[in-house]
Amino acid sequence: MKWEYTQLRFVPRGKSWTGEIEELWLDDRQIISRSHPQRDVTLVGLMNELGEQGWELTTYAQPFTGYHGGCYTFKRQK
């Protein structure tokens, strides 16, 4: 069985529990940046979209640099 992977990486705005996103990337494509904020994009919304496309969450990693944020890795069968 062969798999393909994608990553959703983010940095929250302010406190991470508010759900606001400062920066967001899907693989190498930046979706939200400080200079181009988007209020209608949420992590949960993007995760639901990926799920509808057959992606399954496999891991979450929080950075060791001391700031909040993280990286979600998804996989789906090729």
PDB file of N, CA and C in Angstrom:
ATOM      1  N   MET A   1       0.846  -1.172   0.000  1.00  0.00           N
ATOM      2  CA  MET A   1       0.000   0.000   0.000  1.00  0.00           C
ATOM      3  C   MET A   1       0.897   1.243   0.000  1.00  0.00           C
ATOM      4  N   LYS A   2       0.563   2.208  -0.831  1.00  0.00           N
ATOM      5  CA  LYS A   2       1.344   3.443  -0.914  1.00  0.00           C
ATOM      6  C   LYS A   2       0.529   4.602  -0.361  1.00  0.00           C
ATOM      7  N   TRP A   3       1.240   5.540   0.288  1.00  0.00           N
ATOM      8  CA  TRP A   3       0.605   6.683   0.926  1.00  0.00           C
ATOM      9  C   TRP A   3       1.186   7.977   0.386  1.00  0.00           C
ATOM     10  N   GLU A   4       0.378   9.027   0.461  1.00  0.00           N
ATOM     11  CA  GLU A   4       0.887  10.373   0.216  1.00  0.00           C
ATOM     12  C   GLU A   4       0.581  11.201   1.461  1.00  0.00           C
ATOM     13  N   TYR A   5       1.374  12.228   1.689  1.00  0.00           N
ATOM     14  CA  TYR A   5       1.283  13.012   2.921  1.00  0.00           C
ATOM     15  C   TYR A   5       1.149  14.498   2.620  1.00  0.00           C
ATOM     16  N   THR A   6       0.536  15.218   3.538  1.00  0.00           N
ATOM     17  CA  THR A   6       0.456  16.671   3.463  1.00  0.00           C
ATOM     18  C   THR A   6       0.580  17.208   4.885  1.00  0.00           C
ATOM     19  N   GLN A   7       1.035  18.459   5.001  1.00  0.00           N
ATOM     20  CA  GLN A   7       1.201  19.058   6.323  1.00  0.00           C
ATOM     21  C   GLN A   7       0.505  20.406   6.400  1.00  0.00           C
ATOM     22  N   LEU A   8      -0.128  20.632   7.535  1.00  0.00           N
ATOM     23  CA  LEU A   8      -0.787  21.888   7.858  1.00  0.00           C
ATOM     24  C   LEU A   8      -0.016  22.481   9.039  1.00  0.00           C
ATOM     25  N   ARG A   9       0.705  23.595   8.792  1.00  0.00           N
ATOM     26  CA  ARG A   9       1.527  24.213   9.825  1.00  0.00           C
ATOM     27  C   ARG A   9       0.960  25.588  10.152  1.00  0.00           C
ATOM     28  N   PHE A  10       0.985  25.949  11.443  1.00  0.00           N
ATOM     29  CA  PHE A  10       0.380  27.217  11.823  1.00  0.00           C
ATOM     30  C   PHE A  10       1.085  27.864  13.011  1.00  0.00           C
ATOM     31  N   VAL A  11       0.910  29.173  13.095  1.00  0.00           N
ATOM     32  CA  VAL A  11       1.310  29.980  14.245  1.00  0.00           C
ATOM     33  C   VAL A  11       0.063  30.748  14.658  1.00  0.00           C
ATOM     34  N   PRO A  12      -0.395  30.582  15.901  1.00  0.00           N
ATOM     35  CA  PRO A  12      -1.614  31.285  16.327  1.00  0.00           C
ATOM     36  C   PRO A  12      -1.349  32.764  16.597  1.00  0.00           C
ATOM     37  N   ARG A  13      -2.400  33.549  16.546  1.00  0.00           N
ATOM     38  CA  ARG A  13      -2.335  34.961  16.910  1.00  0.00           C
ATOM     39  C   ARG A  13      -2.687  35.063  18.383  1.00  0.00           C
ATOM     40  N   GLY A  14      -1.825  35.673  19.155  1.00  0.00           N
ATOM     41  CA  GLY A  14      -2.087  35.828  20.582  1.00  0.00           C
ATOM     42  C   GLY A  14      -2.104  34.493  21.288  1.00  0.00           C
ATOM     43  N   LYS A  15      -3.094  34.281  22.094  1.00  0.00           N
ATOM     44  CA  LYS A  15      -3.236  33.020  22.828  1.00  0.00           C
ATOM     45  C   LYS A  15      -3.817  31.963  21.895  1.00  0.00           C
ATOM     46  N   SER A  16      -3.276  30.771  21.947  1.00  0.00           N
ATOM     47  CA  SER A  16      -3.669  29.742  20.984  1.00  0.00           C
ATOM     48  C   SER A  16      -5.112  29.296  21.131  1.00  0.00           C
ATOM     49  N   TRP A  17      -5.720  29.476  22.300  1.00  0.00           N
ATOM     50  CA  TRP A  17      -7.087  28.979  22.492  1.00  0.00           C
ATOM     51  C   TRP A  17      -8.144  29.863  21.853  1.00  0.00           C
ATOM     52  N   THR A  18      -7.774  31.043  21.330  1.00  0.00           N
ATOM     53  CA  THR A  18      -8.763  31.906  20.685  1.00  0.00           C
ATOM     54  C   THR A  18      -9.127  31.421  19.292  1.00  0.00           C
ATOM     55  N   GLY A  19      -8.266  30.597  18.694  1.00  0.00           N
ATOM     56  CA  GLY A  19      -8.535  30.074  17.360  1.00  0.00           C
ATOM     57  C   GLY A  19      -8.092  30.982  16.229  1.00  0.00           C
ATOM     58  N   GLU A  20      -7.598  32.183  16.551  1.00  0.00           N
ATOM     59  CA  GLU A  20      -7.122  33.078  15.506  1.00  0.00           C
ATOM     60  C   GLU A  20      -5.744  32.635  15.028  1.00  0.00           C
ATOM     61  N   ILE A  21      -5.499  32.787  13.744  1.00  0.00           N
ATOM     62  CA  ILE A  21      -4.267  32.285  13.136  1.00  0.00           C
ATOM     63  C   ILE A  21      -3.449  33.457  12.600  1.00  0.00           C
ATOM     64  N   GLU A  22      -2.185  33.500  13.001  1.00  0.00           N
ATOM     65  CA  GLU A  22      -1.241  34.527  12.529  1.00  0.00           C
ATOM     66  C   GLU A  22      -0.645  34.128  11.179  1.00  0.00           C
ATOM     67  N   GLU A  23      -0.193  32.872  11.075  1.00  0.00           N
ATOM     68  CA  GLU A  23       0.390  32.351   9.842  1.00  0.00           C
ATOM     69  C   GLU A  23      -0.067  30.909   9.659  1.00  0.00           C
ATOM     70  N   LEU A  24      -0.299  30.517   8.397  1.00  0.00           N
ATOM     71  CA  LEU A  24      -0.771  29.164   8.107  1.00  0.00           C
ATOM     72  C   LEU A  24      -0.254  28.727   6.749  1.00  0.00           C
ATOM     73  N   TRP A  25       0.286  27.511   6.708  1.00  0.00           N
ATOM     74  CA  TRP A  25       0.771  26.931   5.460  1.00  0.00           C
ATOM     75  C   TRP A  25       0.135  25.573   5.248  1.00  0.00           C
ATOM     76  N   LEU A  26      -0.175  25.251   4.020  1.00  0.00           N
ATOM     77  CA  LEU A  26      -0.538  23.894   3.615  1.00  0.00           C
ATOM     78  C   LEU A  26       0.575  23.460   2.679  1.00  0.00           C
ATOM     79  N   ASP A  27       1.422  22.566   3.166  1.00  0.00           N
ATOM     80  CA  ASP A  27       2.669  22.197   2.490  1.00  0.00           C
ATOM     81  C   ASP A  27       3.492  23.468   2.262  1.00  0.00           C
ATOM     82  N   ASP A  28       3.827  23.801   1.033  1.00  0.00           N
ATOM     83  CA  ASP A  28       4.661  24.986   0.793  1.00  0.00           C
ATOM     84  C   ASP A  28       3.841  26.226   0.411  1.00  0.00           C
ATOM     85  N   ARG A  29       2.528  26.144   0.479  1.00  0.00           N
ATOM     86  CA  ARG A  29       1.650  27.258   0.106  1.00  0.00           C
ATOM     87  C   ARG A  29       1.181  27.992   1.362  1.00  0.00           C
ATOM     88  N   GLN A  30       1.568  29.261   1.485  1.00  0.00           N
ATOM     89  CA  GLN A  30       1.135  30.043   2.640  1.00  0.00           C
ATOM     90  C   GLN A  30      -0.279  30.564   2.382  1.00  0.00           C
ATOM     91  N   ILE A  31      -1.192  30.202   3.276  1.00  0.00           N
ATOM     92  CA  ILE A  31      -2.598  30.564   3.146  1.00  0.00           C
ATOM     93  C   ILE A  31      -2.890  31.845   3.914  1.00  0.00           C
ATOM     94  N   ILE A  32      -2.288  31.999   5.097  1.00  0.00           N
ATOM     95  CA  ILE A  32      -2.464  33.197   5.914  1.00  0.00           C
ATOM     96  C   ILE A  32      -1.089  33.723   6.294  1.00  0.00           C
ATOM     97  N   SER A  33      -0.905  35.032   6.171  1.00  0.00           N
ATOM     98  CA  SER A  33       0.330  35.671   6.607  1.00  0.00           C
ATOM     99  C   SER A  33      -0.028  36.924   7.399  1.00  0.00           C
ATOM    100  N   ARG A  34       0.947  37.493   8.062  1.00  0.00           N
ATOM    101  CA  ARG A  34       0.705  38.719   8.830  1.00  0.00           C
ATOM    102  C   ARG A  34       0.216  39.839   7.925  1.00  0.00           C
ATOM    103  N   SER A  35       0.723  39.881   6.706  1.00  0.00           N
ATOM    104  CA  SER A  35       0.327  40.948   5.783  1.00  0.00           C
ATOM    105  C   SER A  35      -0.977  40.631   5.047  1.00  0.00           C
ATOM    106  N   HIS A  36      -1.426  39.370   5.081  1.00  0.00           N
ATOM    107  CA  HIS A  36      -2.675  38.957   4.430  1.00  0.00           C
ATOM    108  C   HIS A  36      -3.520  38.106   5.372  1.00  0.00           C
ATOM    109  N   PRO A  37      -4.035  38.702   6.451  1.00  0.00           N
ATOM    110  CA  PRO A  37      -4.870  37.927   7.385  1.00  0.00           C
ATOM    111  C   PRO A  37      -6.187  37.530   6.735  1.00  0.00           C
ATOM    112  N   GLN A  38      -6.737  36.404   7.186  1.00  0.00           N
ATOM    113  CA  GLN A  38      -8.035  35.934   6.697  1.00  0.00           C
ATOM    114  C   GLN A  38      -8.845  35.457   7.882  1.00  0.00           C
ATOM    115  N   ARG A  39      -9.929  36.112   8.155  1.00  0.00           N
ATOM    116  CA  ARG A  39     -10.749  35.776   9.315  1.00  0.00           C
ATOM    117  C   ARG A  39     -11.648  34.572   9.063  1.00  0.00           C
ATOM    118  N   ASP A  40     -11.927  34.256   7.800  1.00  0.00           N
ATOM    119  CA  ASP A  40     -12.876  33.181   7.502  1.00  0.00           C
ATOM    120  C   ASP A  40     -12.217  31.803   7.422  1.00  0.00           C
ATOM    121  N   VAL A  41     -10.890  31.728   7.594  1.00  0.00           N
ATOM    122  CA  VAL A  41     -10.176  30.455   7.539  1.00  0.00           C
ATOM    123  C   VAL A  41      -9.881  30.004   8.961  1.00  0.00           C
ATOM    124  N   THR A  42     -10.240  28.747   9.286  1.00  0.00           N
ATOM    125  CA  THR A  42      -9.967  28.198  10.606  1.00  0.00           C
ATOM    126  C   THR A  42      -9.251  26.858  10.464  1.00  0.00           C
ATOM    127  N   LEU A  43      -8.518  26.476  11.498  1.00  0.00           N
ATOM    128  CA  LEU A  43      -7.863  25.169  11.492  1.00  0.00           C
ATOM    129  C   LEU A  43      -8.880  24.043  11.362  1.00  0.00           C
ATOM    130  N   VAL A  44      -9.949  24.123  12.133  1.00  0.00           N
ATOM    131  CA  VAL A  44     -10.975  23.070  12.088  1.00  0.00           C
ATOM    132  C   VAL A  44     -11.610  23.007  10.698  1.00  0.00           C
ATOM    133  N   GLY A  45     -11.876  24.158  10.104  1.00  0.00           N
ATOM    134  CA  GLY A  45     -12.446  24.181   8.766  1.00  0.00           C
ATOM    135  C   GLY A  45     -11.529  23.528   7.745  1.00  0.00           C
ATOM    136  N   LEU A  46     -10.238  23.850   7.818  1.00  0.00           N
ATOM    137  CA  LEU A  46      -9.282  23.239   6.894  1.00  0.00           C
ATOM    138  C   LEU A  46      -9.139  21.734   7.144  1.00  0.00           C
ATOM    139  N   MET A  47      -9.153  21.339   8.418  1.00  0.00           N
ATOM    140  CA  MET A  47      -9.065  19.911   8.720  1.00  0.00           C
ATOM    141  C   MET A  47     -10.287  19.164   8.191  1.00  0.00           C
ATOM    142  N   ASN A  48     -11.457  19.768   8.294  1.00  0.00           N
ATOM    143  CA  ASN A  48     -12.668  19.145   7.740  1.00  0.00           C
ATOM    144  C   ASN A  48     -12.575  19.025   6.222  1.00  0.00           C
ATOM    145  N   GLU A  49     -12.046  20.053   5.559  1.00  0.00           N
ATOM    146  CA  GLU A  49     -11.870  19.993   4.098  1.00  0.00           C
ATOM    147  C   GLU A  49     -10.918  18.863   3.714  1.00  0.00           C
ATOM    148  N   LEU A  50      -9.805  18.749   4.448  1.00  0.00           N
ATOM    149  CA  LEU A  50      -8.863  17.675   4.160  1.00  0.00           C
ATOM    150  C   LEU A  50      -9.514  16.307   4.384  1.00  0.00           C
ATOM    151  N   GLY A  51     -10.297  16.177   5.454  1.00  0.00           N
ATOM    152  CA  GLY A  51     -11.003  14.921   5.711  1.00  0.00           C
ATOM    153  C   GLY A  51     -11.948  14.549   4.586  1.00  0.00           C
ATOM    154  N   GLU A  52     -12.647  15.543   4.036  1.00  0.00           N
ATOM    155  CA  GLU A  52     -13.563  15.289   2.917  1.00  0.00           C
ATOM    156  C   GLU A  52     -12.810  14.832   1.675  1.00  0.00           C
ATOM    157  N   GLN A  53     -11.532  15.211   1.574  1.00  0.00           N
ATOM    158  CA  GLN A  53     -10.702  14.810   0.432  1.00  0.00           C
ATOM    159  C   GLN A  53      -9.992  13.474   0.680  1.00  0.00           C
ATOM    160  N   GLY A  54     -10.304  12.823   1.819  1.00  0.00           N
ATOM    161  CA  GLY A  54      -9.723  11.518   2.104  1.00  0.00           C
ATOM    162  C   GLY A  54      -8.475  11.541   2.963  1.00  0.00           C
ATOM    163  N   TRP A  55      -8.073  12.721   3.436  1.00  0.00           N
ATOM    164  CA  TRP A  55      -6.888  12.816   4.288  1.00  0.00           C
ATOM    165  C   TRP A  55      -7.240  12.432   5.715  1.00  0.00           C
ATOM    166  N   GLU A  56      -6.348  11.704   6.392  1.00  0.00           N
ATOM    167  CA  GLU A  56      -6.522  11.286   7.776  1.00  0.00           C
ATOM    168  C   GLU A  56      -5.376  11.859   8.608  1.00  0.00           C
ATOM    169  N   LEU A  57      -5.706  12.478   9.739  1.00  0.00           N
ATOM    170  CA  LEU A  57      -4.691  13.031  10.627  1.00  0.00           C
ATOM    171  C   LEU A  57      -3.871  11.893  11.230  1.00  0.00           C
ATOM    172  N   THR A  58      -2.544  12.004  11.116  1.00  0.00           N
ATOM    173  CA  THR A  58      -1.682  10.967  11.675  1.00  0.00           C
ATOM    174  C   THR A  58      -0.883  11.468  12.869  1.00  0.00           C
ATOM    175  N   THR A  59      -0.382  12.695  12.822  1.00  0.00           N
ATOM    176  CA  THR A  59       0.425  13.215  13.929  1.00  0.00           C
ATOM    177  C   THR A  59       0.241  14.715  14.093  1.00  0.00           C
ATOM    178  N   TYR A  60       0.544  15.181  15.298  1.00  0.00           N
ATOM    179  CA  TYR A  60       0.636  16.605  15.606  1.00  0.00           C
ATOM    180  C   TYR A  60       1.960  16.816  16.319  1.00  0.00           C
ATOM    181  N   ALA A  61       2.714  17.802  15.905  1.00  0.00           N
ATOM    182  CA  ALA A  61       3.986  18.116  16.546  1.00  0.00           C
ATOM    183  C   ALA A  61       4.001  19.590  16.917  1.00  0.00           C
ATOM    184  N   GLN A  62       4.350  19.861  18.162  1.00  0.00           N
ATOM    185  CA  GLN A  62       4.493  21.241  18.618  1.00  0.00           C
ATOM    186  C   GLN A  62       5.968  21.596  18.554  1.00  0.00           C
ATOM    187  N   PRO A  63       6.289  22.808  18.091  1.00  0.00           N
ATOM    188  CA  PRO A  63       7.697  23.186  17.961  1.00  0.00           C
ATOM    189  C   PRO A  63       8.377  23.294  19.325  1.00  0.00           C
ATOM    190  N   PHE A  64       9.669  23.119  19.314  1.00  0.00           N
ATOM    191  CA  PHE A  64      10.450  23.207  20.538  1.00  0.00           C
ATOM    192  C   PHE A  64      11.016  24.606  20.764  1.00  0.00           C
ATOM    193  N   THR A  65      10.560  25.577  19.991  1.00  0.00           N
ATOM    194  CA  THR A  65      11.139  26.921  20.046  1.00  0.00           C
ATOM    195  C   THR A  65      10.499  27.805  21.107  1.00  0.00           C
ATOM    196  N   GLY A  66       9.489  27.325  21.804  1.00  0.00           N
ATOM    197  CA  GLY A  66       8.881  28.103  22.865  1.00  0.00           C
ATOM    198  C   GLY A  66       7.632  28.861  22.466  1.00  0.00           C
ATOM    199  N   TYR A  67       7.325  28.989  21.173  1.00  0.00           N
ATOM    200  CA  TYR A  67       6.086  29.658  20.785  1.00  0.00           C
ATOM    201  C   TYR A  67       5.007  28.617  20.528  1.00  0.00           C
ATOM    202  N   HIS A  68       3.775  29.065  20.560  1.00  0.00           N
ATOM    203  CA  HIS A  68       2.661  28.163  20.297  1.00  0.00           C
ATOM    204  C   HIS A  68       2.560  27.928  18.796  1.00  0.00           C
ATOM    205  N   GLY A  69       1.867  26.926  18.433  1.00  0.00           N
ATOM    206  CA  GLY A  69       1.694  26.590  17.033  1.00  0.00           C
ATOM    207  C   GLY A  69       1.951  25.117  16.858  1.00  0.00           C
ATOM    208  N   GLY A  70       2.133  24.711  15.635  1.00  0.00           N
ATOM    209  CA  GLY A  70       2.431  23.315  15.423  1.00  0.00           C
ATOM    210  C   GLY A  70       2.267  22.877  13.992  1.00  0.00           C
ATOM    211  N   CYS A  71       2.379  21.582  13.822  1.00  0.00           N
ATOM    212  CA  CYS A  71       2.323  20.976  12.500  1.00  0.00           C
ATOM    213  C   CYS A  71       1.467  19.715  12.571  1.00  0.00           C
ATOM    214  N   TYR A  72       0.422  19.683  11.778  1.00  0.00           N
ATOM    215  CA  TYR A  72      -0.429  18.507  11.642  1.00  0.00           C
ATOM    216  C   TYR A  72      -0.023  17.779  10.368  1.00  0.00           C
ATOM    217  N   THR A  73       0.193  16.475  10.457  1.00  0.00           N
ATOM    218  CA  THR A  73       0.530  15.676   9.283  1.00  0.00           C
ATOM    219  C   THR A  73      -0.649  14.749   8.989  1.00  0.00           C
ATOM    220  N   PHE A  74      -1.035  14.725   7.730  1.00  0.00           N
ATOM    221  CA  PHE A  74      -2.142  13.897   7.247  1.00  0.00           C
ATOM    222  C   PHE A  74      -1.628  12.936   6.197  1.00  0.00           C
ATOM    223  N   LYS A  75      -2.304  11.797   6.046  1.00  0.00           N
ATOM    224  CA  LYS A  75      -1.964  10.865   4.974  1.00  0.00           C
ATOM    225  C   LYS A  75      -3.243  10.355   4.336  1.00  0.00           C
ATOM    226  N   ARG A  76      -3.091   9.894   3.091  1.00  0.00           N
ATOM    227  CA  ARG A  76      -4.173   9.193   2.401  1.00  0.00           C
ATOM    228  C   ARG A  76      -3.552   8.208   1.426  1.00  0.00           C
ATOM    229  N   GLN A  77      -4.317   7.201   1.105  1.00  0.00           N
ATOM    230  CA  GLN A  77      -3.828   6.179   0.198  1.00  0.00           C
ATOM    231  C   GLN A  77      -3.736   6.741  -1.207  1.00  0.00           C
ATOM    232  N   LYS A  78      -2.671   6.393  -1.902  1.00  0.00           N
ATOM    233  CA  LYS A  78      -2.500   6.839  -3.294  1.00  0.00           C
ATOM    234  C   LYS A  78      -3.380   6.023  -4.205  1.00  0.00           C
TER     235      LYS A  78
END
